[in-house]
N, C-alpha and C. Protein backbone atom coordinates (compact mmCIF):
# COMPACT_ATOMS: atom_id res chain seq x y z
N UNK A 1 0.83 -1.18 0.00
CA UNK A 1 0.00 0.00 0.00
C UNK A 1 0.88 1.24 0.00
N UNK A 2 0.47 2.23 -0.73
CA UNK A 2 1.21 3.48 -0.87
C UNK A 2 1.08 4.33 0.39
N UNK A 3 2.22 4.80 0.90
CA UNK A 3 2.21 5.69 2.07
C UNK A 3 2.47 7.11 1.58
N UNK A 4 1.72 8.10 2.12
CA UNK A 4 1.96 9.48 1.73
C UNK A 4 3.34 9.95 2.20
N UNK A 5 3.91 10.88 1.47
CA UNK A 5 5.24 11.39 1.81
C UNK A 5 5.22 12.91 1.84
N UNK A 6 6.23 13.48 2.43
CA UNK A 6 6.40 14.92 2.43
C UNK A 6 5.31 15.65 3.19
N UNK A 7 4.78 16.69 2.53
CA UNK A 7 3.76 17.53 3.18
C UNK A 7 2.48 16.76 3.47
N UNK A 8 2.13 15.84 2.60
CA UNK A 8 0.91 15.05 2.82
C UNK A 8 1.06 14.22 4.08
N UNK A 9 2.20 13.57 4.25
CA UNK A 9 2.44 12.77 5.44
C UNK A 9 2.43 13.64 6.69
N UNK A 10 3.02 14.81 6.59
CA UNK A 10 3.04 15.73 7.73
C UNK A 10 1.62 16.15 8.10
N UNK A 11 0.80 16.44 7.10
CA UNK A 11 -0.59 16.84 7.37
C UNK A 11 -1.36 15.69 8.01
N UNK A 12 -1.15 14.47 7.53
CA UNK A 12 -1.81 13.31 8.14
C UNK A 12 -1.38 13.17 9.60
N UNK A 13 -0.10 13.40 9.87
CA UNK A 13 0.40 13.31 11.24
C UNK A 13 -0.25 14.33 12.15
N UNK A 14 -0.39 15.56 11.66
CA UNK A 14 -1.03 16.62 12.45
C UNK A 14 -2.50 16.29 12.67
N UNK A 15 -3.16 15.83 11.63
CA UNK A 15 -4.58 15.47 11.74
C UNK A 15 -4.78 14.33 12.73
N UNK A 16 -3.94 13.30 12.64
CA UNK A 16 -4.04 12.16 13.56
C UNK A 16 -3.76 12.60 15.00
N UNK A 17 -2.79 13.48 15.19
CA UNK A 17 -2.48 13.97 16.53
C UNK A 17 -3.64 14.77 17.10
N UNK A 18 -4.27 15.59 16.28
CA UNK A 18 -5.42 16.37 16.74
C UNK A 18 -6.57 15.45 17.12
N UNK A 19 -6.78 14.43 16.33
CA UNK A 19 -7.84 13.47 16.62
C UNK A 19 -7.58 12.76 17.95
N UNK A 20 -6.36 12.31 18.15
CA UNK A 20 -6.01 11.61 19.38
C UNK A 20 -6.11 12.54 20.59
N UNK A 21 -5.68 13.78 20.43
CA UNK A 21 -5.73 14.75 21.53
C UNK A 21 -7.16 15.06 21.94
N UNK A 22 -8.03 15.27 20.96
CA UNK A 22 -9.42 15.60 21.30
C UNK A 22 -10.13 14.41 21.92
N UNK A 23 -9.86 13.21 21.44
CA UNK A 23 -10.50 12.02 22.01
C UNK A 23 -10.01 11.81 23.45
N UNK A 24 -8.71 11.96 23.67
CA UNK A 24 -8.15 11.79 25.01
C UNK A 24 -8.73 12.80 25.99
N UNK A 25 -8.93 14.04 25.53
CA UNK A 25 -9.51 15.08 26.40
C UNK A 25 -10.93 14.70 26.80
N UNK A 26 -11.70 14.19 25.85
CA UNK A 26 -13.07 13.78 26.15
C UNK A 26 -13.07 12.63 27.16
N UNK A 27 -12.25 11.63 26.94
CA UNK A 27 -12.20 10.47 27.83
C UNK A 27 -11.73 10.88 29.23
N UNK A 28 -10.66 11.67 29.30
CA UNK A 28 -10.16 12.13 30.61
C UNK A 28 -11.25 12.87 31.37
N UNK A 29 -11.97 13.74 30.67
CA UNK A 29 -13.02 14.51 31.33
C UNK A 29 -14.11 13.59 31.87
N UNK A 30 -14.61 12.70 31.04
CA UNK A 30 -15.73 11.86 31.48
C UNK A 30 -15.33 10.92 32.61
N UNK A 31 -14.06 10.55 32.70
CA UNK A 31 -13.60 9.71 33.79
C UNK A 31 -13.46 10.50 35.09
N UNK A 32 -13.14 11.78 34.98
CA UNK A 32 -12.90 12.59 36.17
C UNK A 32 -14.12 13.38 36.63
N UNK A 33 -15.08 13.59 35.76
CA UNK A 33 -16.22 14.45 36.07
C UNK A 33 -17.28 13.68 36.86
N UNK A 34 -17.55 14.15 38.06
CA UNK A 34 -18.55 13.49 38.91
C UNK A 34 -19.93 13.53 38.27
N UNK A 35 -20.27 14.63 37.64
CA UNK A 35 -21.59 14.75 37.00
C UNK A 35 -21.75 13.73 35.87
N UNK A 36 -20.72 13.55 35.05
CA UNK A 36 -20.78 12.58 33.95
C UNK A 36 -20.89 11.15 34.49
N UNK A 37 -20.10 10.83 35.52
CA UNK A 37 -20.12 9.48 36.08
C UNK A 37 -21.41 9.19 36.83
N UNK A 38 -21.87 10.14 37.61
CA UNK A 38 -23.06 9.93 38.42
C UNK A 38 -24.32 9.81 37.55
N UNK A 39 -24.46 10.72 36.59
CA UNK A 39 -25.66 10.75 35.77
C UNK A 39 -25.65 9.77 34.61
N UNK A 40 -24.48 9.29 34.23
CA UNK A 40 -24.40 8.40 33.09
C UNK A 40 -24.59 9.11 31.76
N UNK A 41 -24.65 10.45 31.80
CA UNK A 41 -24.81 11.26 30.60
C UNK A 41 -23.73 12.33 30.61
N UNK A 42 -23.47 12.89 29.43
CA UNK A 42 -22.46 13.94 29.32
C UNK A 42 -22.96 15.24 29.93
N UNK A 43 -22.07 15.92 30.67
CA UNK A 43 -22.36 17.27 31.14
C UNK A 43 -22.11 18.23 29.96
N UNK A 44 -22.31 19.51 30.18
CA UNK A 44 -22.13 20.50 29.11
C UNK A 44 -20.69 20.50 28.59
N UNK A 45 -19.72 20.39 29.50
CA UNK A 45 -18.31 20.37 29.07
C UNK A 45 -18.01 19.13 28.24
N UNK A 46 -18.52 17.98 28.66
CA UNK A 46 -18.29 16.74 27.92
C UNK A 46 -18.95 16.81 26.55
N UNK A 47 -20.12 17.41 26.49
CA UNK A 47 -20.81 17.55 25.20
C UNK A 47 -19.98 18.38 24.23
N UNK A 48 -19.38 19.45 24.74
CA UNK A 48 -18.52 20.29 23.89
C UNK A 48 -17.28 19.52 23.46
N UNK A 49 -16.66 18.79 24.39
CA UNK A 49 -15.49 17.99 24.03
C UNK A 49 -15.84 16.92 22.99
N UNK A 50 -17.02 16.32 23.11
CA UNK A 50 -17.45 15.34 22.12
C UNK A 50 -17.65 16.00 20.76
N UNK A 51 -18.23 17.20 20.75
CA UNK A 51 -18.44 17.93 19.49
C UNK A 51 -17.10 18.23 18.81
N UNK A 52 -16.12 18.67 19.60
CA UNK A 52 -14.80 18.97 19.06
C UNK A 52 -14.14 17.70 18.52
N UNK A 53 -14.28 16.60 19.25
CA UNK A 53 -13.73 15.32 18.79
C UNK A 53 -14.36 14.90 17.47
N UNK A 54 -15.67 14.99 17.38
CA UNK A 54 -16.36 14.59 16.14
C UNK A 54 -15.94 15.46 14.96
N UNK A 55 -15.74 16.75 15.21
CA UNK A 55 -15.27 17.64 14.14
C UNK A 55 -13.87 17.24 13.69
N UNK A 56 -12.99 16.91 14.64
CA UNK A 56 -11.64 16.47 14.30
C UNK A 56 -11.69 15.14 13.52
N UNK A 57 -12.58 14.26 13.92
CA UNK A 57 -12.73 12.97 13.25
C UNK A 57 -13.21 13.19 11.80
N UNK A 58 -14.14 14.10 11.63
CA UNK A 58 -14.65 14.40 10.28
C UNK A 58 -13.53 14.98 9.41
N UNK A 59 -12.74 15.92 9.97
CA UNK A 59 -11.63 16.50 9.22
C UNK A 59 -10.60 15.44 8.86
N UNK A 60 -10.35 14.52 9.77
CA UNK A 60 -9.38 13.44 9.50
C UNK A 60 -9.87 12.58 8.34
N UNK A 61 -11.15 12.29 8.31
CA UNK A 61 -11.71 11.52 7.21
C UNK A 61 -11.62 12.25 5.88
N UNK A 62 -11.82 13.55 5.90
CA UNK A 62 -11.74 14.36 4.69
C UNK A 62 -10.32 14.47 4.19
N UNK A 63 -9.35 14.41 5.08
CA UNK A 63 -7.94 14.56 4.71
C UNK A 63 -7.40 13.31 4.02
N UNK A 64 -8.07 12.23 4.15
CA UNK A 64 -7.58 10.97 3.58
C UNK A 64 -8.05 10.76 2.19
């Protein structure tokens, strides 16, 4: 399979890093947030983190 090189590879790396960072932030929050754990639903902050993660995921898909 062909691997991207140069600027394309660098852009994929940045996109993948952003995706991983946003997902990790969402997971860390939901594990630490008493409201998220107690209620079993996302609080307002978790909802925003999920929205940011989904946007990063969509951009990652478009970049490929």
